[in-house]
Amino acid sequence: MLIIHLKKEIDKLENTNGMETIESPNRTRASKLFWTASKTDLIELIYALHSSGAVNSAAADIKEMALAYEQMFNIDLGNYYHTFIEIRSRKSNSTKFLDSLKDSLLKRIEESDE
């Protein structure tokens, strides 16, 4: 929240007429969402969505998706290609985060049925 506030204040200072910037509907506003799991977890999720073809009917590329998630979750993913190589090289469970997501959702479904 502090980052968002500071960005707005910087925008105000950079505005040449000293008036507050008016947000247009087409302008992307800063997201109030923050990724709190690991960067590796988010990269695993992005690659899973890309591999499934669930975004833009498989027409989106990894770079485009990574940028969108960086903006949405206020995070810098760094070298996500290298991180994917590390994910691929996991010995025991290469889809650790996805498996935990599935388990969490199944638990929630079971609890809501009770």
N, C-alpha and C. Protein backbone atom coordinates (compact mmCIF):
# COMPACT_ATOMS: atom_id res chain seq x y z
N MET A 1 0.82 -1.18 0.00
CA MET A 1 0.00 0.00 0.00
C MET A 1 0.87 1.25 0.00
N LEU A 2 1.99 1.16 0.68
CA LEU A 2 2.90 2.30 0.70
C LEU A 2 3.45 2.56 -0.70
N ILE A 3 3.80 1.51 -1.42
CA ILE A 3 4.33 1.65 -2.78
C ILE A 3 3.30 2.33 -3.67
N ILE A 4 2.06 1.90 -3.57
CA ILE A 4 1.00 2.48 -4.38
C ILE A 4 0.84 3.96 -4.05
N HIS A 5 0.83 4.28 -2.76
CA HIS A 5 0.71 5.68 -2.33
C HIS A 5 1.87 6.52 -2.88
N LEU A 6 3.07 6.01 -2.76
CA LEU A 6 4.24 6.75 -3.24
C LEU A 6 4.19 6.95 -4.76
N LYS A 7 3.72 5.94 -5.49
CA LYS A 7 3.60 6.09 -6.95
C LYS A 7 2.61 7.18 -7.30
N LYS A 8 1.50 7.24 -6.58
CA LYS A 8 0.51 8.29 -6.83
C LYS A 8 1.11 9.66 -6.53
N GLU A 9 1.85 9.76 -5.45
CA GLU A 9 2.48 11.04 -5.10
C GLU A 9 3.50 11.45 -6.14
N ILE A 10 4.26 10.51 -6.66
CA ILE A 10 5.23 10.81 -7.71
C ILE A 10 4.52 11.28 -8.96
N ASP A 11 3.40 10.63 -9.31
CA ASP A 11 2.60 11.06 -10.46
C ASP A 11 2.14 12.50 -10.29
N LYS A 12 1.72 12.85 -9.08
CA LYS A 12 1.27 14.22 -8.82
C LYS A 12 2.42 15.21 -9.03
N LEU A 13 3.62 14.85 -8.55
CA LEU A 13 4.77 15.74 -8.67
C LEU A 13 5.22 15.89 -10.12
N GLU A 14 5.10 14.83 -10.91
CA GLU A 14 5.53 14.87 -12.30
C GLU A 14 4.53 15.58 -13.20
N ASN A 15 3.31 15.75 -12.74
CA ASN A 15 2.28 16.42 -13.53
C ASN A 15 2.66 17.89 -13.67
N THR A 16 2.77 18.36 -14.90
CA THR A 16 3.30 19.71 -15.16
C THR A 16 2.40 20.83 -14.69
N ASN A 17 1.08 20.65 -14.69
CA ASN A 17 0.22 21.75 -14.28
C ASN A 17 -0.10 21.74 -12.79
N GLY A 18 0.44 20.79 -12.05
CA GLY A 18 0.24 20.73 -10.62
C GLY A 18 -1.11 20.20 -10.20
N MET A 19 -1.95 19.85 -11.16
CA MET A 19 -3.26 19.30 -10.84
C MET A 19 -3.14 17.80 -10.70
N GLU A 20 -4.03 17.22 -9.91
CA GLU A 20 -4.00 15.79 -9.70
C GLU A 20 -4.38 15.07 -10.99
N THR A 21 -3.70 14.00 -11.30
CA THR A 21 -3.97 13.23 -12.50
C THR A 21 -5.34 12.58 -12.40
N ILE A 22 -6.11 12.71 -13.47
CA ILE A 22 -7.42 12.07 -13.51
C ILE A 22 -7.26 10.72 -14.17
N GLU A 23 -7.71 9.69 -13.49
CA GLU A 23 -7.60 8.34 -14.02
C GLU A 23 -8.66 8.12 -15.09
N SER A 24 -8.24 7.74 -16.29
CA SER A 24 -9.21 7.40 -17.32
C SER A 24 -9.55 5.92 -17.19
N PRO A 25 -10.71 5.51 -17.69
CA PRO A 25 -11.11 4.11 -17.57
C PRO A 25 -10.15 3.16 -18.26
N ASN A 26 -9.44 3.63 -19.30
CA ASN A 26 -8.53 2.77 -20.05
C ASN A 26 -7.15 2.66 -19.40
N ARG A 27 -6.85 3.53 -18.46
CA ARG A 27 -5.54 3.51 -17.81
C ARG A 27 -5.52 2.43 -16.74
N THR A 28 -4.47 1.65 -16.74
CA THR A 28 -4.35 0.58 -15.76
C THR A 28 -4.01 1.16 -14.40
N ARG A 29 -4.83 0.87 -13.42
CA ARG A 29 -4.55 1.32 -12.06
C ARG A 29 -3.66 0.31 -11.37
N ALA A 30 -2.91 0.79 -10.42
CA ALA A 30 -2.05 -0.10 -9.66
C ALA A 30 -2.91 -1.08 -8.88
N SER A 31 -2.51 -2.32 -8.92
CA SER A 31 -3.25 -3.36 -8.23
C SER A 31 -3.00 -3.29 -6.72
N LYS A 32 -4.00 -3.64 -5.96
CA LYS A 32 -3.86 -3.71 -4.51
C LYS A 32 -3.58 -5.14 -4.06
N LEU A 33 -3.32 -6.01 -5.04
CA LEU A 33 -3.03 -7.41 -4.73
C LEU A 33 -1.53 -7.61 -4.67
N PHE A 34 -1.09 -8.42 -3.72
CA PHE A 34 0.33 -8.73 -3.58
C PHE A 34 0.51 -10.23 -3.46
N TRP A 35 1.41 -10.78 -4.25
CA TRP A 35 1.70 -12.21 -4.20
C TRP A 35 2.49 -12.47 -2.92
N THR A 36 1.97 -13.38 -2.09
CA THR A 36 2.62 -13.63 -0.80
C THR A 36 3.25 -15.01 -0.72
N ALA A 37 3.03 -15.83 -1.71
CA ALA A 37 3.74 -17.10 -1.77
C ALA A 37 5.09 -16.82 -2.45
N SER A 38 5.85 -17.85 -2.75
CA SER A 38 7.17 -17.63 -3.35
C SER A 38 7.05 -17.28 -4.83
N LYS A 39 8.09 -16.63 -5.34
CA LYS A 39 8.13 -16.32 -6.77
C LYS A 39 8.10 -17.60 -7.59
N THR A 40 8.78 -18.62 -7.11
CA THR A 40 8.79 -19.90 -7.80
C THR A 40 7.39 -20.47 -7.92
N ASP A 41 6.58 -20.32 -6.88
CA ASP A 41 5.20 -20.80 -6.92
C ASP A 41 4.41 -20.08 -8.02
N LEU A 42 4.58 -18.77 -8.13
CA LEU A 42 3.86 -18.01 -9.15
C LEU A 42 4.33 -18.41 -10.54
N ILE A 43 5.61 -18.61 -10.70
CA ILE A 43 6.14 -19.02 -12.00
C ILE A 43 5.62 -20.39 -12.38
N GLU A 44 5.53 -21.29 -11.42
CA GLU A 44 4.95 -22.62 -11.67
C GLU A 44 3.50 -22.49 -12.14
N LEU A 45 2.75 -21.61 -11.51
CA LEU A 45 1.36 -21.38 -11.88
C LEU A 45 1.25 -20.79 -13.28
N ILE A 46 2.09 -19.82 -13.60
CA ILE A 46 2.07 -19.20 -14.92
C ILE A 46 2.37 -20.24 -16.00
N TYR A 47 3.40 -21.02 -15.79
CA TYR A 47 3.74 -22.05 -16.78
C TYR A 47 2.63 -23.09 -16.91
N ALA A 48 1.96 -23.42 -15.81
CA ALA A 48 0.85 -24.38 -15.88
C ALA A 48 -0.30 -23.81 -16.70
N LEU A 49 -0.64 -22.55 -16.46
CA LEU A 49 -1.71 -21.91 -17.23
C LEU A 49 -1.33 -21.81 -18.71
N HIS A 50 -0.09 -21.47 -18.97
CA HIS A 50 0.38 -21.39 -20.36
C HIS A 50 0.31 -22.76 -21.03
N SER A 51 0.78 -23.77 -20.34
CA SER A 51 0.79 -25.13 -20.89
C SER A 51 -0.61 -25.65 -21.17
N SER A 52 -1.58 -25.23 -20.36
CA SER A 52 -2.95 -25.71 -20.53
C SER A 52 -3.67 -25.02 -21.68
N GLY A 53 -3.13 -23.90 -22.14
CA GLY A 53 -3.79 -23.14 -23.20
C GLY A 53 -5.00 -22.38 -22.70
N ALA A 54 -5.10 -22.17 -21.39
CA ALA A 54 -6.27 -21.53 -20.79
C ALA A 54 -6.31 -20.02 -20.99
N VAL A 55 -5.22 -19.42 -21.42
CA VAL A 55 -5.17 -17.97 -21.61
C VAL A 55 -5.05 -17.66 -23.10
N ASN A 56 -5.95 -16.85 -23.60
CA ASN A 56 -5.96 -16.45 -25.02
C ASN A 56 -5.92 -17.65 -25.97
N SER A 57 -6.59 -18.72 -25.59
CA SER A 57 -6.64 -19.93 -26.43
C SER A 57 -5.25 -20.38 -26.86
N ALA A 58 -4.32 -20.34 -25.92
CA ALA A 58 -2.92 -20.76 -26.09
C ALA A 58 -2.11 -19.80 -26.96
N ALA A 59 -2.64 -18.60 -27.24
CA ALA A 59 -1.92 -17.65 -28.08
C ALA A 59 -0.98 -16.74 -27.28
N ALA A 60 -1.16 -16.64 -25.97
CA ALA A 60 -0.31 -15.78 -25.14
C ALA A 60 1.05 -16.46 -24.95
N ASP A 61 2.11 -15.66 -24.93
CA ASP A 61 3.42 -16.25 -24.65
C ASP A 61 3.79 -16.03 -23.19
N ILE A 62 4.78 -16.75 -22.75
CA ILE A 62 5.21 -16.72 -21.34
C ILE A 62 5.60 -15.30 -20.92
N LYS A 63 6.32 -14.59 -21.76
CA LYS A 63 6.78 -13.25 -21.41
C LYS A 63 5.58 -12.33 -21.15
N GLU A 64 4.59 -12.40 -22.02
CA GLU A 64 3.39 -11.58 -21.88
C GLU A 64 2.62 -11.94 -20.61
N MET A 65 2.51 -13.22 -20.33
CA MET A 65 1.80 -13.66 -19.13
C MET A 65 2.56 -13.26 -17.87
N ALA A 66 3.88 -13.43 -17.88
CA ALA A 66 4.69 -13.07 -16.71
C ALA A 66 4.56 -11.58 -16.41
N LEU A 67 4.59 -10.75 -17.44
CA LEU A 67 4.44 -9.31 -17.25
C LEU A 67 3.08 -8.97 -16.64
N ALA A 68 2.03 -9.62 -17.13
CA ALA A 68 0.69 -9.37 -16.60
C ALA A 68 0.60 -9.74 -15.12
N TYR A 69 1.17 -10.88 -14.74
CA TYR A 69 1.13 -11.30 -13.35
C TYR A 69 2.02 -10.43 -12.47
N GLU A 70 3.15 -9.97 -13.01
CA GLU A 70 3.99 -9.03 -12.26
C GLU A 70 3.21 -7.77 -11.92
N GLN A 71 2.47 -7.26 -12.89
CA GLN A 71 1.68 -6.04 -12.66
C GLN A 71 0.52 -6.32 -11.72
N MET A 72 -0.15 -7.45 -11.92
CA MET A 72 -1.32 -7.76 -11.10
C MET A 72 -0.95 -7.95 -9.63
N PHE A 73 0.19 -8.59 -9.39
CA PHE A 73 0.57 -8.92 -8.02
C PHE A 73 1.72 -8.08 -7.48
N ASN A 74 2.09 -7.00 -8.18
CA ASN A 74 3.14 -6.11 -7.68
C ASN A 74 4.41 -6.86 -7.29
N ILE A 75 4.95 -7.61 -8.24
CA ILE A 75 6.11 -8.44 -7.96
C ILE A 75 7.03 -8.43 -9.18
N ASP A 76 8.32 -8.56 -8.94
CA ASP A 76 9.29 -8.73 -10.02
C ASP A 76 9.70 -10.20 -10.02
N LEU A 77 9.37 -10.90 -11.09
CA LEU A 77 9.65 -12.34 -11.14
C LEU A 77 11.10 -12.64 -11.52
N GLY A 78 11.83 -11.65 -11.94
CA GLY A 78 13.23 -11.90 -12.29
C GLY A 78 13.33 -12.79 -13.52
N ASN A 79 14.30 -13.68 -13.51
CA ASN A 79 14.54 -14.57 -14.65
C ASN A 79 13.65 -15.80 -14.53
N TYR A 80 12.42 -15.69 -15.01
CA TYR A 80 11.46 -16.79 -14.86
C TYR A 80 11.81 -17.99 -15.73
N TYR A 81 12.56 -17.76 -16.83
CA TYR A 81 13.01 -18.90 -17.65
C TYR A 81 13.95 -19.78 -16.84
N HIS A 82 14.87 -19.16 -16.14
CA HIS A 82 15.82 -19.90 -15.31
C HIS A 82 15.10 -20.62 -14.17
N THR A 83 14.13 -19.95 -13.56
CA THR A 83 13.36 -20.57 -12.48
C THR A 83 12.61 -21.78 -12.99
N PHE A 84 12.07 -21.71 -14.21
CA PHE A 84 11.38 -22.86 -14.78
C PHE A 84 12.33 -24.04 -14.96
N ILE A 85 13.55 -23.76 -15.34
CA ILE A 85 14.55 -24.83 -15.47
C ILE A 85 14.76 -25.50 -14.11
N GLU A 86 14.80 -24.70 -13.04
CA GLU A 86 14.94 -25.25 -11.69
C GLU A 86 13.72 -26.09 -11.31
N ILE A 87 12.53 -25.62 -11.69
CA ILE A 87 11.30 -26.38 -11.42
C ILE A 87 11.37 -27.73 -12.15
N ARG A 88 11.80 -27.71 -13.39
CA ARG A 88 11.91 -28.95 -14.18
C ARG A 88 12.89 -29.93 -13.56
N SER A 89 13.91 -29.42 -12.89
CA SER A 89 14.95 -30.30 -12.36
C SER A 89 14.64 -30.83 -10.96
N ARG A 90 13.48 -30.51 -10.41
CA ARG A 90 13.11 -31.05 -9.10
C ARG A 90 13.08 -32.56 -9.16
N LYS A 91 13.63 -33.18 -8.13
CA LYS A 91 13.72 -34.64 -8.11
C LYS A 91 12.41 -35.31 -7.71
N SER A 92 11.79 -34.85 -6.64
CA SER A 92 10.64 -35.58 -6.11
C SER A 92 9.30 -35.14 -6.69
N ASN A 93 9.04 -33.84 -6.73
CA ASN A 93 7.73 -33.38 -7.14
C ASN A 93 7.87 -32.08 -7.94
N SER A 94 7.77 -32.18 -9.25
CA SER A 94 7.98 -30.99 -10.08
C SER A 94 6.79 -30.04 -10.08
N THR A 95 5.63 -30.48 -9.59
CA THR A 95 4.45 -29.61 -9.53
C THR A 95 4.00 -29.40 -8.08
N LYS A 96 4.95 -29.12 -7.24
CA LYS A 96 4.70 -28.98 -5.80
C LYS A 96 3.60 -27.96 -5.48
N PHE A 97 3.66 -26.77 -6.07
CA PHE A 97 2.67 -25.74 -5.77
C PHE A 97 1.30 -26.10 -6.32
N LEU A 98 1.26 -26.59 -7.54
CA LEU A 98 -0.02 -26.98 -8.13
C LEU A 98 -0.69 -28.09 -7.31
N ASP A 99 0.10 -29.02 -6.82
CA ASP A 99 -0.45 -30.08 -5.98
C ASP A 99 -1.02 -29.52 -4.68
N SER A 100 -0.34 -28.54 -4.11
CA SER A 100 -0.85 -27.95 -2.87
C SER A 100 -2.13 -27.15 -3.13
N LEU A 101 -2.22 -26.51 -4.30
CA LEU A 101 -3.45 -25.80 -4.67
C LEU A 101 -4.62 -26.78 -4.78
N LYS A 102 -4.37 -27.89 -5.43
CA LYS A 102 -5.41 -28.91 -5.59
C LYS A 102 -5.86 -29.41 -4.23
N ASP A 103 -4.91 -29.73 -3.36
CA ASP A 103 -5.24 -30.22 -2.01
C ASP A 103 -6.05 -29.19 -1.23
N SER A 104 -5.65 -27.91 -1.33
CA SER A 104 -6.36 -26.85 -0.61
C SER A 104 -7.80 -26.71 -1.11
N LEU A 105 -7.98 -26.78 -2.41
CA LEU A 105 -9.32 -26.66 -2.97
C LEU A 105 -10.19 -27.85 -2.58
N LEU A 106 -9.64 -29.05 -2.66
CA LEU A 106 -10.40 -30.24 -2.27
C LEU A 106 -10.80 -30.18 -0.80
N LYS A 107 -9.89 -29.70 0.05
CA LYS A 107 -10.21 -29.56 1.47
C LYS A 107 -11.34 -28.56 1.67
N ARG A 108 -11.28 -27.45 0.96
CA ARG A 108 -12.34 -26.44 1.08
C ARG A 108 -13.69 -26.98 0.61
N ILE A 109 -13.67 -27.76 -0.47
CA ILE A 109 -14.91 -28.37 -0.96
C ILE A 109 -15.47 -29.33 0.06
N GLU A 110 -14.61 -30.14 0.62
CA GLU A 110 -15.06 -31.10 1.65
C GLU A 110 -15.63 -30.40 2.86
N GLU A 111 -14.97 -29.33 3.30
CA GLU A 111 -15.44 -28.58 4.48
C GLU A 111 -16.77 -27.87 4.21
N SER A 112 -16.97 -27.42 2.99
CA SER A 112 -18.23 -26.73 2.68
C SER A 112 -19.38 -27.70 2.53
N ASP A 113 -19.06 -28.98 2.30
CA ASP A 113 -20.12 -30.00 2.20
C ASP A 113 -20.61 -30.45 3.57
N GLU A 114 -19.83 -30.16 4.61
CA GLU A 114 -20.19 -30.62 5.96
C GLU A 114 -21.26 -29.76 6.59
